Amino acid sequence: MLKTLANMISSALPKQASAVSVAERRRSPRIDVQLGCEAYLRGHEQMVVRSQIRNVTIAAIGIETPFPVRIGDELIVNFSLLGTRVDGMSARVIWAIKTQTGYRCGVTFESQGAESTGGK
């Protein structure tokens, strides 16, 4: 599943290195998005809430949640990207900050067990 997700994200990246600003050059280029998703903390499946993915890379996403998250927490995220539905993607919080409306965090993908379908 991670390989499929990486291929989808790679296909959306600029084809020329010069199209990416110097500030954005990193191990995995980032794509800014406004993508709705559902997220919950592992062990709290009954508390699925609407959240927002703000950026994606091949190995991680930036996400805003209305609930508190801490470094090391495991989030389960469900979303659609480029026509593919991804359910049950496990991601580990690697940084988190409190915002005026909730929490913003960076998470790295952990699970290859997520389910993917070709439609929404």
PDB file of N, CA and C in Angstrom:
ATOM      1  N   MET A   1       0.813  -1.191   0.000  1.00  0.00           N
ATOM      2  CA  MET A   1       0.000   0.000   0.000  1.00  0.00           C
ATOM      3  C   MET A   1       0.859   1.259   0.000  1.00  0.00           C
ATOM      4  N   LEU A   2       1.924   1.273   0.793  1.00  0.00           N
ATOM      5  CA  LEU A   2       2.773   2.459   0.827  1.00  0.00           C
ATOM      6  C   LEU A   2       3.400   2.732  -0.524  1.00  0.00           C
ATOM      7  N   LYS A   3       3.760   1.680  -1.256  1.00  0.00           N
ATOM      8  CA  LYS A   3       4.346   1.876  -2.578  1.00  0.00           C
ATOM      9  C   LYS A   3       3.333   2.514  -3.520  1.00  0.00           C
ATOM     10  N   THR A   4       2.081   2.073  -3.466  1.00  0.00           N
ATOM     11  CA  THR A   4       1.027   2.667  -4.286  1.00  0.00           C
ATOM     12  C   THR A   4       0.830   4.126  -3.929  1.00  0.00           C
ATOM     13  N   LEU A   5       0.787   4.423  -2.634  1.00  0.00           N
ATOM     14  CA  LEU A   5       0.633   5.804  -2.185  1.00  0.00           C
ATOM     15  C   LEU A   5       1.815   6.652  -2.636  1.00  0.00           C
ATOM     16  N   ALA A   6       3.024   6.127  -2.512  1.00  0.00           N
ATOM     17  CA  ALA A   6       4.218   6.855  -2.952  1.00  0.00           C
ATOM     18  C   ALA A   6       4.156   7.141  -4.442  1.00  0.00           C
ATOM     19  N   ASN A   7       3.696   6.188  -5.245  1.00  0.00           N
ATOM     20  CA  ASN A   7       3.581   6.396  -6.695  1.00  0.00           C
ATOM     21  C   ASN A   7       2.564   7.480  -7.018  1.00  0.00           C
ATOM     22  N   MET A   8       1.431   7.499  -6.291  1.00  0.00           N
ATOM     23  CA  MET A   8       0.411   8.523  -6.526  1.00  0.00           C
ATOM     24  C   MET A   8       0.980   9.909  -6.218  1.00  0.00           C
ATOM     25  N   ILE A   9       1.678  10.031  -5.098  1.00  0.00           N
ATOM     26  CA  ILE A   9       2.236  11.317  -4.706  1.00  0.00           C
ATOM     27  C   ILE A   9       3.330  11.743  -5.674  1.00  0.00           C
ATOM     28  N   SER A  10       4.191  10.803  -6.070  1.00  0.00           N
ATOM     29  CA  SER A  10       5.269  11.121  -7.019  1.00  0.00           C
ATOM     30  C   SER A  10       4.723  11.641  -8.330  1.00  0.00           C
ATOM     31  N   SER A  11       3.602  11.083  -8.784  1.00  0.00           N
ATOM     32  CA  SER A  11       3.032  11.517 -10.059  1.00  0.00           C
ATOM     33  C   SER A  11       2.510  12.948  -9.985  1.00  0.00           C
ATOM     34  N   ALA A  12       2.223  13.444  -8.781  1.00  0.00           N
ATOM     35  CA  ALA A  12       1.721  14.809  -8.625  1.00  0.00           C
ATOM     36  C   ALA A  12       2.823  15.826  -8.387  1.00  0.00           C
ATOM     37  N   LEU A  13       4.055  15.372  -8.196  1.00  0.00           N
ATOM     38  CA  LEU A  13       5.176  16.279  -7.936  1.00  0.00           C
ATOM     39  C   LEU A  13       5.626  16.971  -9.219  1.00  0.00           C
ATOM     40  N   PRO A  14       6.207  18.163  -9.101  1.00  0.00           N
ATOM     41  CA  PRO A  14       6.757  18.842 -10.288  1.00  0.00           C
ATOM     42  C   PRO A  14       7.800  17.961 -10.964  1.00  0.00           C
ATOM     43  N   LYS A  15       7.823  17.982 -12.279  1.00  0.00           N
ATOM     44  CA  LYS A  15       8.744  17.127 -13.035  1.00  0.00           C
ATOM     45  C   LYS A  15      10.164  17.663 -13.046  1.00  0.00           C
ATOM     46  N   GLN A  16      10.345  18.970 -12.847  1.00  0.00           N
ATOM     47  CA  GLN A  16      11.672  19.562 -12.868  1.00  0.00           C
ATOM     48  C   GLN A  16      12.058  20.020 -11.474  1.00  0.00           C
ATOM     49  N   ALA A  17      13.277  19.778 -11.099  1.00  0.00           N
ATOM     50  CA  ALA A  17      13.758  20.198  -9.778  1.00  0.00           C
ATOM     51  C   ALA A  17      13.641  21.699  -9.599  1.00  0.00           C
ATOM     52  N   SER A  18      13.793  22.476 -10.671  1.00  0.00           N
ATOM     53  CA  SER A  18      13.725  23.925 -10.554  1.00  0.00           C
ATOM     54  C   SER A  18      12.328  24.406 -10.187  1.00  0.00           C
ATOM     55  N   ALA A  19      11.312  23.565 -10.367  1.00  0.00           N
ATOM     56  CA  ALA A  19       9.944  23.943 -10.018  1.00  0.00           C
ATOM     57  C   ALA A  19       9.726  23.930  -8.512  1.00  0.00           C
ATOM     58  N   VAL A  20      10.647  23.369  -7.762  1.00  0.00           N
ATOM     59  CA  VAL A  20      10.544  23.306  -6.311  1.00  0.00           C
ATOM     60  C   VAL A  20      11.489  24.342  -5.728  1.00  0.00           C
ATOM     61  N   SER A  21      10.970  25.210  -4.854  1.00  0.00           N
ATOM     62  CA  SER A  21      11.806  26.257  -4.281  1.00  0.00           C
ATOM     63  C   SER A  21      12.916  25.661  -3.428  1.00  0.00           C
ATOM     64  N   VAL A  22      13.981  26.441  -3.222  1.00  0.00           N
ATOM     65  CA  VAL A  22      15.101  25.993  -2.406  1.00  0.00           C
ATOM     66  C   VAL A  22      14.612  25.642  -1.005  1.00  0.00           C
ATOM     67  N   ALA A  23      13.687  26.425  -0.456  1.00  0.00           N
ATOM     68  CA  ALA A  23      13.175  26.169   0.890  1.00  0.00           C
ATOM     69  C   ALA A  23      12.423  24.843   0.964  1.00  0.00           C
ATOM     70  N   GLU A  24      11.857  24.408  -0.148  1.00  0.00           N
ATOM     71  CA  GLU A  24      11.074  23.183  -0.154  1.00  0.00           C
ATOM     72  C   GLU A  24      11.881  21.947  -0.541  1.00  0.00           C
ATOM     73  N   ARG A  25      13.146  22.104  -0.905  1.00  0.00           N
ATOM     74  CA  ARG A  25      13.953  20.938  -1.236  1.00  0.00           C
ATOM     75  C   ARG A  25      14.264  20.199   0.043  1.00  0.00           C
ATOM     76  N   ARG A  26      13.893  18.972   0.109  1.00  0.00           N
ATOM     77  CA  ARG A  26      14.061  18.141   1.282  1.00  0.00           C
ATOM     78  C   ARG A  26      14.151  16.705   0.825  1.00  0.00           C
ATOM     79  N   ARG A  27      14.278  15.793   1.740  1.00  0.00           N
ATOM     80  CA  ARG A  27      14.369  14.387   1.339  1.00  0.00           C
ATOM     81  C   ARG A  27      13.194  13.985   0.476  1.00  0.00           C
ATOM     82  N   SER A  28      11.994  14.401   0.849  1.00  0.00           N
ATOM     83  CA  SER A  28      10.794  14.117   0.077  1.00  0.00           C
ATOM     84  C   SER A  28      10.055  15.422  -0.159  1.00  0.00           C
ATOM     85  N   PRO A  29       9.973  15.888  -1.404  1.00  0.00           N
ATOM     86  CA  PRO A  29       9.268  17.139  -1.670  1.00  0.00           C
ATOM     87  C   PRO A  29       7.833  17.099  -1.136  1.00  0.00           C
ATOM     88  N   ARG A  30       7.369  18.239  -0.695  1.00  0.00           N
ATOM     89  CA  ARG A  30       6.049  18.378  -0.083  1.00  0.00           C
ATOM     90  C   ARG A  30       5.071  18.964  -1.085  1.00  0.00           C
ATOM     91  N   ILE A  31       3.847  18.453  -1.081  1.00  0.00           N
ATOM     92  CA  ILE A  31       2.767  19.007  -1.890  1.00  0.00           C
ATOM     93  C   ILE A  31       1.740  19.573  -0.923  1.00  0.00           C
ATOM     94  N   ASP A  32       1.460  20.885  -1.023  1.00  0.00           N
ATOM     95  CA  ASP A  32       0.431  21.490  -0.188  1.00  0.00           C
ATOM     96  C   ASP A  32      -0.937  21.098  -0.725  1.00  0.00           C
ATOM     97  N   VAL A  33      -1.828  20.683   0.161  1.00  0.00           N
ATOM     98  CA  VAL A  33      -3.176  20.264  -0.209  1.00  0.00           C
ATOM     99  C   VAL A  33      -4.167  20.766   0.838  1.00  0.00           C
ATOM    100  N   GLN A  34      -5.412  20.741   0.494  1.00  0.00           N
ATOM    101  CA  GLN A  34      -6.529  20.955   1.420  1.00  0.00           C
ATOM    102  C   GLN A  34      -7.409  19.723   1.229  1.00  0.00           C
ATOM    103  N   LEU A  35      -7.179  18.700   2.031  1.00  0.00           N
ATOM    104  CA  LEU A  35      -7.817  17.410   1.806  1.00  0.00           C
ATOM    105  C   LEU A  35      -8.501  16.944   3.084  1.00  0.00           C
ATOM    106  N   GLY A  36      -9.813  16.803   3.017  1.00  0.00           N
ATOM    107  CA  GLY A  36     -10.549  16.302   4.174  1.00  0.00           C
ATOM    108  C   GLY A  36     -10.207  14.842   4.437  1.00  0.00           C
ATOM    109  N   CYS A  37     -10.243  14.464   5.695  1.00  0.00           N
ATOM    110  CA  CYS A  37      -9.983  13.077   6.067  1.00  0.00           C
ATOM    111  C   CYS A  37     -10.687  12.775   7.378  1.00  0.00           C
ATOM    112  N   GLU A  38     -10.683  11.514   7.760  1.00  0.00           N
ATOM    113  CA  GLU A  38     -11.131  11.110   9.083  1.00  0.00           C
ATOM    114  C   GLU A  38      -9.899  10.603   9.813  1.00  0.00           C
ATOM    115  N   ALA A  39      -9.810  10.905  11.108  1.00  0.00           N
ATOM    116  CA  ALA A  39      -8.652  10.468  11.881  1.00  0.00           C
ATOM    117  C   ALA A  39      -9.076  10.132  13.303  1.00  0.00           C
ATOM    118  N   TYR A  40      -8.331   9.225  13.912  1.00  0.00           N
ATOM    119  CA  TYR A  40      -8.533   8.917  15.330  1.00  0.00           C
ATOM    120  C   TYR A  40      -7.243   8.352  15.889  1.00  0.00           C
ATOM    121  N   LEU A  41      -7.115   8.436  17.209  1.00  0.00           N
ATOM    122  CA  LEU A  41      -5.970   7.855  17.889  1.00  0.00           C
ATOM    123  C   LEU A  41      -6.178   6.353  18.015  1.00  0.00           C
ATOM    124  N   ARG A  42      -5.116   5.580  17.796  1.00  0.00           N
ATOM    125  CA  ARG A  42      -5.192   4.117  17.963  1.00  0.00           C
ATOM    126  C   ARG A  42      -5.767   3.823  19.352  1.00  0.00           C
ATOM    127  N   GLY A  43      -6.751   2.935  19.406  1.00  0.00           N
ATOM    128  CA  GLY A  43      -7.392   2.590  20.666  1.00  0.00           C
ATOM    129  C   GLY A  43      -8.643   3.409  20.957  1.00  0.00           C
ATOM    130  N   HIS A  44      -8.915   4.419  20.117  1.00  0.00           N
ATOM    131  CA  HIS A  44     -10.094   5.276  20.303  1.00  0.00           C
ATOM    132  C   HIS A  44     -10.936   5.276  19.025  1.00  0.00           C
ATOM    133  N   GLU A  45     -11.207   4.077  18.495  1.00  0.00           N
ATOM    134  CA  GLU A  45     -11.906   3.929  17.224  1.00  0.00           C
ATOM    135  C   GLU A  45     -13.292   4.565  17.221  1.00  0.00           C
ATOM    136  N   GLN A  46     -13.909   4.669  18.393  1.00  0.00           N
ATOM    137  CA  GLN A  46     -15.245   5.249  18.479  1.00  0.00           C
ATOM    138  C   GLN A  46     -15.218   6.771  18.352  1.00  0.00           C
ATOM    139  N   MET A  47     -14.046   7.371  18.304  1.00  0.00           N
ATOM    140  CA  MET A  47     -13.919   8.828  18.267  1.00  0.00           C
ATOM    141  C   MET A  47     -13.322   9.313  16.939  1.00  0.00           C
ATOM    142  N   VAL A  48     -13.812   8.797  15.826  1.00  0.00           N
ATOM    143  CA  VAL A  48     -13.349   9.242  14.505  1.00  0.00           C
ATOM    144  C   VAL A  48     -13.860  10.657  14.271  1.00  0.00           C
ATOM    145  N   VAL A  49     -12.962  11.574  13.889  1.00  0.00           N
ATOM    146  CA  VAL A  49     -13.363  12.963  13.660  1.00  0.00           C
ATOM    147  C   VAL A  49     -12.844  13.469  12.324  1.00  0.00           C
ATOM    148  N   ARG A  50     -13.564  14.441  11.786  1.00  0.00           N
ATOM    149  CA  ARG A  50     -13.123  15.095  10.550  1.00  0.00           C
ATOM    150  C   ARG A  50     -11.867  15.885  10.845  1.00  0.00           C
ATOM    151  N   SER A  51     -10.876  15.739   9.986  1.00  0.00           N
ATOM    152  CA  SER A  51      -9.614  16.451  10.109  1.00  0.00           C
ATOM    153  C   SER A  51      -9.221  16.942   8.725  1.00  0.00           C
ATOM    154  N   GLN A  52      -8.087  17.627   8.619  1.00  0.00           N
ATOM    155  CA  GLN A  52      -7.620  18.159   7.341  1.00  0.00           C
ATOM    156  C   GLN A  52      -6.169  17.791   7.110  1.00  0.00           C
ATOM    157  N   ILE A  53      -5.892  17.198   5.956  1.00  0.00           N
ATOM    158  CA  ILE A  53      -4.513  16.992   5.526  1.00  0.00           C
ATOM    159  C   ILE A  53      -4.080  18.283   4.853  1.00  0.00           C
ATOM    160  N   ARG A  54      -2.954  18.848   5.280  1.00  0.00           N
ATOM    161  CA  ARG A  54      -2.462  20.122   4.760  1.00  0.00           C
ATOM    162  C   ARG A  54      -1.325  19.965   3.768  1.00  0.00           C
ATOM    163  N   ASN A  55      -0.559  18.868   3.879  1.00  0.00           N
ATOM    164  CA  ASN A  55       0.502  18.608   2.909  1.00  0.00           C
ATOM    165  C   ASN A  55       0.844  17.129   2.931  1.00  0.00           C
ATOM    166  N   VAL A  56       1.394  16.660   1.827  1.00  0.00           N
ATOM    167  CA  VAL A  56       1.774  15.254   1.708  1.00  0.00           C
ATOM    168  C   VAL A  56       3.171  15.146   1.118  1.00  0.00           C
ATOM    169  N   THR A  57       3.887  14.112   1.528  1.00  0.00           N
ATOM    170  CA  THR A  57       5.146  13.719   0.904  1.00  0.00           C
ATOM    171  C   THR A  57       5.037  12.226   0.657  1.00  0.00           C
ATOM    172  N   ILE A  58       6.074  11.659   0.118  1.00  0.00           N
ATOM    173  CA  ILE A  58       6.058  10.217  -0.132  1.00  0.00           C
ATOM    174  C   ILE A  58       5.957   9.428   1.170  1.00  0.00           C
ATOM    175  N   ALA A  59       6.507   9.954   2.253  1.00  0.00           N
ATOM    176  CA  ALA A  59       6.572   9.194   3.492  1.00  0.00           C
ATOM    177  C   ALA A  59       5.751   9.773   4.639  1.00  0.00           C
ATOM    178  N   ALA A  60       5.112  10.928   4.443  1.00  0.00           N
ATOM    179  CA  ALA A  60       4.461  11.565   5.583  1.00  0.00           C
ATOM    180  C   ALA A  60       3.353  12.513   5.127  1.00  0.00           C
ATOM    181  N   ILE A  61       2.547  12.949   6.105  1.00  0.00           N
ATOM    182  CA  ILE A  61       1.550  13.983   5.851  1.00  0.00           C
ATOM    183  C   ILE A  61       1.578  14.986   6.997  1.00  0.00           C
ATOM    184  N   GLY A  62       1.156  16.200   6.687  1.00  0.00           N
ATOM    185  CA  GLY A  62       0.891  17.211   7.701  1.00  0.00           C
ATOM    186  C   GLY A  62      -0.611  17.256   7.872  1.00  0.00           C
ATOM    187  N   ILE A  63      -1.091  17.169   9.102  1.00  0.00           N
ATOM    188  CA  ILE A  63      -2.523  17.050   9.341  1.00  0.00           C
ATOM    189  C   ILE A  63      -2.945  17.963  10.485  1.00  0.00           C
ATOM    190  N   GLU A  64      -4.162  18.510  10.386  1.00  0.00           N
ATOM    191  CA  GLU A  64      -4.759  19.290  11.461  1.00  0.00           C
ATOM    192  C   GLU A  64      -5.906  18.478  12.042  1.00  0.00           C
ATOM    193  N   THR A  65      -5.932  18.375  13.360  1.00  0.00           N
ATOM    194  CA  THR A  65      -6.988  17.640  14.052  1.00  0.00           C
ATOM    195  C   THR A  65      -7.604  18.525  15.126  1.00  0.00           C
ATOM    196  N   PRO A  66      -8.867  18.291  15.476  1.00  0.00           N
ATOM    197  CA  PRO A  66      -9.470  19.046  16.568  1.00  0.00           C
ATOM    198  C   PRO A  66      -9.125  18.457  17.943  1.00  0.00           C
ATOM    199  N   PHE A  67      -8.496  17.297  17.979  1.00  0.00           N
ATOM    200  CA  PHE A  67      -8.168  16.647  19.251  1.00  0.00           C
ATOM    201  C   PHE A  67      -6.670  16.707  19.525  1.00  0.00           C
ATOM    202  N   PRO A  68      -6.285  16.658  20.803  1.00  0.00           N
ATOM    203  CA  PRO A  68      -4.865  16.754  21.150  1.00  0.00           C
ATOM    204  C   PRO A  68      -4.063  15.536  20.683  1.00  0.00           C
ATOM    205  N   VAL A  69      -2.869  15.803  20.175  1.00  0.00           N
ATOM    206  CA  VAL A  69      -1.939  14.745  19.793  1.00  0.00           C
ATOM    207  C   VAL A  69      -0.582  15.049  20.405  1.00  0.00           C
ATOM    208  N   ARG A  70       0.184  13.992  20.650  1.00  0.00           N
ATOM    209  CA  ARG A  70       1.530  14.147  21.208  1.00  0.00           C
ATOM    210  C   ARG A  70       2.515  13.375  20.340  1.00  0.00           C
ATOM    211  N   ILE A  71       3.762  13.778  20.392  1.00  0.00           N
ATOM    212  CA  ILE A  71       4.809  13.044  19.686  1.00  0.00           C
ATOM    213  C   ILE A  71       4.772  11.597  20.156  1.00  0.00           C
ATOM    214  N   GLY A  72       4.796  10.687  19.201  1.00  0.00           N
ATOM    215  CA  GLY A  72       4.756   9.261  19.507  1.00  0.00           C
ATOM    216  C   GLY A  72       3.376   8.639  19.391  1.00  0.00           C
ATOM    217  N   ASP A  73       2.310   9.460  19.405  1.00  0.00           N
ATOM    218  CA  ASP A  73       0.956   8.920  19.249  1.00  0.00           C
ATOM    219  C   ASP A  73       0.817   8.240  17.892  1.00  0.00           C
ATOM    220  N   GLU A  74      -0.055   7.238  17.827  1.00  0.00           N
ATOM    221  CA  GLU A  74      -0.363   6.593  16.557  1.00  0.00           C
ATOM    222  C   GLU A  74      -1.753   7.030  16.113  1.00  0.00           C
ATOM    223  N   LEU A  75      -1.821   7.645  14.932  1.00  0.00           N
ATOM    224  CA  LEU A  75      -3.087   8.039  14.330  1.00  0.00           C
ATOM    225  C   LEU A  75      -3.470   7.020  13.269  1.00  0.00           C
ATOM    226  N   ILE A  76      -4.756   6.811  13.119  1.00  0.00           N
ATOM    227  CA  ILE A  76      -5.284   6.042  11.996  1.00  0.00           C
ATOM    228  C   ILE A  76      -6.023   7.054  11.129  1.00  0.00           C
ATOM    229  N   VAL A  77      -5.679   7.081   9.829  1.00  0.00           N
ATOM    230  CA  VAL A  77      -6.203   8.104   8.931  1.00  0.00           C
ATOM    231  C   VAL A  77      -6.874   7.431   7.737  1.00  0.00           C
ATOM    232  N   ASN A  78      -8.045   7.961   7.353  1.00  0.00           N
ATOM    233  CA  ASN A  78      -8.782   7.520   6.172  1.00  0.00           C
ATOM    234  C   ASN A  78      -8.935   8.721   5.245  1.00  0.00           C
ATOM    235  N   PHE A  79      -8.617   8.560   3.959  1.00  0.00           N
ATOM    236  CA  PHE A  79      -8.725   9.671   3.019  1.00  0.00           C
ATOM    237  C   PHE A  79      -8.762   9.157   1.595  1.00  0.00           C
ATOM    238  N   SER A  80      -9.082  10.046   0.660  1.00  0.00           N
ATOM    239  CA  SER A  80      -9.027   9.758  -0.774  1.00  0.00           C
ATOM    240  C   SER A  80      -7.986  10.674  -1.387  1.00  0.00           C
ATOM    241  N   LEU A  81      -7.138  10.113  -2.261  1.00  0.00           N
ATOM    242  CA  LEU A  81      -6.101  10.882  -2.933  1.00  0.00           C
ATOM    243  C   LEU A  81      -6.022  10.444  -4.380  1.00  0.00           C
ATOM    244  N   LEU A  82      -6.205  11.388  -5.285  1.00  0.00           N
ATOM    245  CA  LEU A  82      -6.139  11.122  -6.730  1.00  0.00           C
ATOM    246  C   LEU A  82      -7.038   9.949  -7.123  1.00  0.00           C
ATOM    247  N   GLY A  83      -8.261   9.914  -6.578  1.00  0.00           N
ATOM    248  CA  GLY A  83      -9.238   8.891  -6.931  1.00  0.00           C
ATOM    249  C   GLY A  83      -9.075   7.560  -6.223  1.00  0.00           C
ATOM    250  N   THR A  84      -8.114   7.459  -5.327  1.00  0.00           N
ATOM    251  CA  THR A  84      -7.913   6.213  -4.589  1.00  0.00           C
ATOM    252  C   THR A  84      -8.275   6.429  -3.126  1.00  0.00           C
ATOM    253  N   ARG A  85      -9.122   5.568  -2.603  1.00  0.00           N
ATOM    254  CA  ARG A  85      -9.527   5.638  -1.197  1.00  0.00           C
ATOM    255  C   ARG A  85      -8.529   4.857  -0.350  1.00  0.00           C
ATOM    256  N   VAL A  86      -8.034   5.467   0.716  1.00  0.00           N
ATOM    257  CA  VAL A  86      -7.088   4.842   1.634  1.00  0.00           C
ATOM    258  C   VAL A  86      -7.762   4.789   3.010  1.00  0.00           C
ATOM    259  N   ASP A  87      -7.978   3.595   3.525  1.00  0.00           N
ATOM    260  CA  ASP A  87      -8.615   3.419   4.825  1.00  0.00           C
ATOM    261  C   ASP A  87      -7.678   2.698   5.772  1.00  0.00           C
ATOM    262  N   GLY A  88      -7.561   3.195   6.980  1.00  0.00           N
ATOM    263  CA  GLY A  88      -6.787   2.523   8.013  1.00  0.00           C
ATOM    264  C   GLY A  88      -5.289   2.739   7.917  1.00  0.00           C
ATOM    265  N   MET A  89      -4.853   3.873   7.356  1.00  0.00           N
ATOM    266  CA  MET A  89      -3.418   4.155   7.260  1.00  0.00           C
ATOM    267  C   MET A  89      -2.896   4.508   8.649  1.00  0.00           C
ATOM    268  N   SER A  90      -1.942   3.727   9.115  1.00  0.00           N
ATOM    269  CA  SER A  90      -1.340   3.966  10.425  1.00  0.00           C
ATOM    270  C   SER A  90      -0.195   4.955  10.270  1.00  0.00           C
ATOM    271  N   ALA A  91      -0.155   5.959  11.156  1.00  0.00           N
ATOM    272  CA  ALA A  91       0.871   6.994  11.070  1.00  0.00           C
ATOM    273  C   ALA A  91       1.302   7.395  12.477  1.00  0.00           C
ATOM    274  N   ARG A  92       2.600   7.614  12.656  1.00  0.00           N
ATOM    275  CA  ARG A  92       3.181   7.988  13.953  1.00  0.00           C
ATOM    276  C   ARG A  92       3.450   9.490  13.978  1.00  0.00           C
ATOM    277  N   VAL A  93       3.003  10.170  15.032  1.00  0.00           N
ATOM    278  CA  VAL A  93       3.211  11.609  15.183  1.00  0.00           C
ATOM    279  C   VAL A  93       4.691  11.872  15.474  1.00  0.00           C
ATOM    280  N   ILE A  94       5.327  12.706  14.625  1.00  0.00           N
ATOM    281  CA  ILE A  94       6.744  13.023  14.829  1.00  0.00           C
ATOM    282  C   ILE A  94       6.951  14.462  15.320  1.00  0.00           C
ATOM    283  N   TRP A  95       5.942  15.319  15.148  1.00  0.00           N
ATOM    284  CA  TRP A  95       5.955  16.654  15.744  1.00  0.00           C
ATOM    285  C   TRP A  95       4.511  17.095  15.884  1.00  0.00           C
ATOM    286  N   ALA A  96       4.247  17.985  16.844  1.00  0.00           N
ATOM    287  CA  ALA A  96       2.884  18.465  17.070  1.00  0.00           C
ATOM    288  C   ALA A  96       2.925  19.842  17.734  1.00  0.00           C
ATOM    289  N   ILE A  97       1.984  20.690  17.314  1.00  0.00           N
ATOM    290  CA  ILE A  97       1.835  21.995  17.948  1.00  0.00           C
ATOM    291  C   ILE A  97       0.350  22.286  18.147  1.00  0.00           C
ATOM    292  N   LYS A  98       0.041  23.062  19.168  1.00  0.00           N
ATOM    293  CA  LYS A  98      -1.327  23.517  19.404  1.00  0.00           C
ATOM    294  C   LYS A  98      -1.550  24.758  18.558  1.00  0.00           C
ATOM    295  N   THR A  99      -2.720  24.836  17.933  1.00  0.00           N
ATOM    296  CA  THR A  99      -3.092  26.011  17.144  1.00  0.00           C
ATOM    297  C   THR A  99      -4.341  26.631  17.765  1.00  0.00           C
ATOM    298  N   GLN A 100      -4.832  27.712  17.189  1.00  0.00           N
ATOM    299  CA  GLN A 100      -6.051  28.345  17.698  1.00  0.00           C
ATOM    300  C   GLN A 100      -7.274  27.463  17.519  1.00  0.00           C
ATOM    301  N   THR A 101      -7.246  26.590  16.516  1.00  0.00           N
ATOM    302  CA  THR A 101      -8.422  25.762  16.215  1.00  0.00           C
ATOM    303  C   THR A 101      -8.242  24.286  16.566  1.00  0.00           C
ATOM    304  N   GLY A 102      -7.108  23.891  17.069  1.00  0.00           N
ATOM    305  CA  GLY A 102      -6.878  22.478  17.384  1.00  0.00           C
ATOM    306  C   GLY A 102      -5.403  22.170  17.462  1.00  0.00           C
ATOM    307  N   TYR A 103      -4.983  21.178  16.690  1.00  0.00           N
ATOM    308  CA  TYR A 103      -3.589  20.734  16.693  1.00  0.00           C
ATOM    309  C   TYR A 103      -3.138  20.486  15.268  1.00  0.00           C
ATOM    310  N   ARG A 104      -1.889  20.824  14.997  1.00  0.00           N
ATOM    311  CA  ARG A 104      -1.259  20.519  13.705  1.00  0.00           C
ATOM    312  C   ARG A 104      -0.104  19.596  14.013  1.00  0.00           C
ATOM    313  N   CYS A 105       0.043  18.549  13.201  1.00  0.00           N
ATOM    314  CA  CYS A 105       1.124  17.606  13.456  1.00  0.00           C
ATOM    315  C   CYS A 105       1.649  17.032  12.145  1.00  0.00           C
ATOM    316  N   GLY A 106       2.851  16.504  12.215  1.00  0.00           N
ATOM    317  CA  GLY A 106       3.455  15.770  11.119  1.00  0.00           C
ATOM    318  C   GLY A 106       3.475  14.308  11.512  1.00  0.00           C
ATOM    319  N   VAL A 107       3.064  13.466  10.598  1.00  0.00           N
ATOM    320  CA  VAL A 107       3.030  12.026  10.880  1.00  0.00           C
ATOM    321  C   VAL A 107       3.719  11.254   9.763  1.00  0.00           C
ATOM    322  N   THR A 108       4.410  10.195  10.133  1.00  0.00           N
ATOM    323  CA  THR A 108       5.025   9.312   9.141  1.00  0.00           C
ATOM    324  C   THR A 108       4.208   8.038   9.051  1.00  0.00           C
ATOM    325  N   PHE A 109       4.093   7.511   7.850  1.00  0.00           N
ATOM    326  CA  PHE A 109       3.322   6.294   7.631  1.00  0.00           C
ATOM    327  C   PHE A 109       4.040   5.098   8.219  1.00  0.00           C
ATOM    328  N   GLU A 110       3.269   4.212   8.851  1.00  0.00           N
ATOM    329  CA  GLU A 110       3.844   3.038   9.482  1.00  0.00           C
ATOM    330  C   GLU A 110       3.316   1.736   8.932  1.00  0.00           C
ATOM    331  N   SER A 111       2.086   1.714   8.500  1.00  0.00           N
ATOM    332  CA  SER A 111       1.428   0.446   8.193  1.00  0.00           C
ATOM    333  C   SER A 111       1.337   0.203   6.701  1.00  0.00           C
ATOM    334  N   GLN A 112       1.590  -1.005   6.308  1.00  0.00           N
ATOM    335  CA  GLN A 112       1.332  -1.400   4.932  1.00  0.00           C
ATOM    336  C   GLN A 112       0.027  -2.160   4.859  1.00  0.00           C
ATOM    337  N   GLY A 113      -0.681  -2.243   5.985  1.00  0.00           N
ATOM    338  CA  GLY A 113      -1.918  -2.989   6.049  1.00  0.00           C
ATOM    339  C   GLY A 113      -3.133  -2.174   5.679  1.00  0.00           C
ATOM    340  N   ALA A 114      -2.953  -0.916   5.309  1.00  0.00           N
ATOM    341  CA  ALA A 114      -4.114  -0.078   4.964  1.00  0.00           C
ATOM    342  C   ALA A 114      -4.797  -0.624   3.725  1.00  0.00           C
ATOM    343  N   GLU A 115      -6.096  -0.448   3.694  1.00  0.00           N
ATOM    344  CA  GLU A 115      -6.895  -0.919   2.587  1.00  0.00           C
ATOM    345  C   GLU A 115      -7.049   0.199   1.569  1.00  0.00           C
ATOM    346  N   SER A 116      -6.916  -0.129   0.298  1.00  0.00           N
ATOM    347  CA  SER A 116      -7.026   0.867  -0.746  1.00  0.00           C
ATOM    348  C   SER A 116      -7.995   0.368  -1.798  1.00  0.00           C
ATOM    349  N   THR A 117      -8.820   1.287  -2.300  1.00  0.00           N
ATOM    350  CA  THR A 117      -9.735   0.954  -3.391  1.00  0.00           C
ATOM    351  C   THR A 117      -9.570   1.980  -4.487  1.00  0.00           C
ATOM    352  N   GLY A 118      -9.917   1.619  -5.702  1.00  0.00           N
ATOM    353  CA  GLY A 118      -9.742   2.522  -6.828  1.00  0.00           C
ATOM    354  C   GLY A 118     -10.758   3.637  -6.892  1.00  0.00           C
ATOM    355  N   GLY A 119     -11.856   3.531  -6.174  1.00  0.00           N
ATOM    356  CA  GLY A 119     -12.866   4.574  -6.197  1.00  0.00           C
ATOM    357  C   GLY A 119     -12.988   5.270  -4.873  1.00  0.00           C
ATOM    358  N   LYS A 120     -13.971   6.168  -4.809  1.00  0.00           N
ATOM    359  CA  LYS A 120     -14.169   6.929  -3.567  1.00  0.00           C
ATOM    360  C   LYS A 120     -15.071   6.209  -2.622  1.00  0.00           C
TER     361      LYS A 120
END
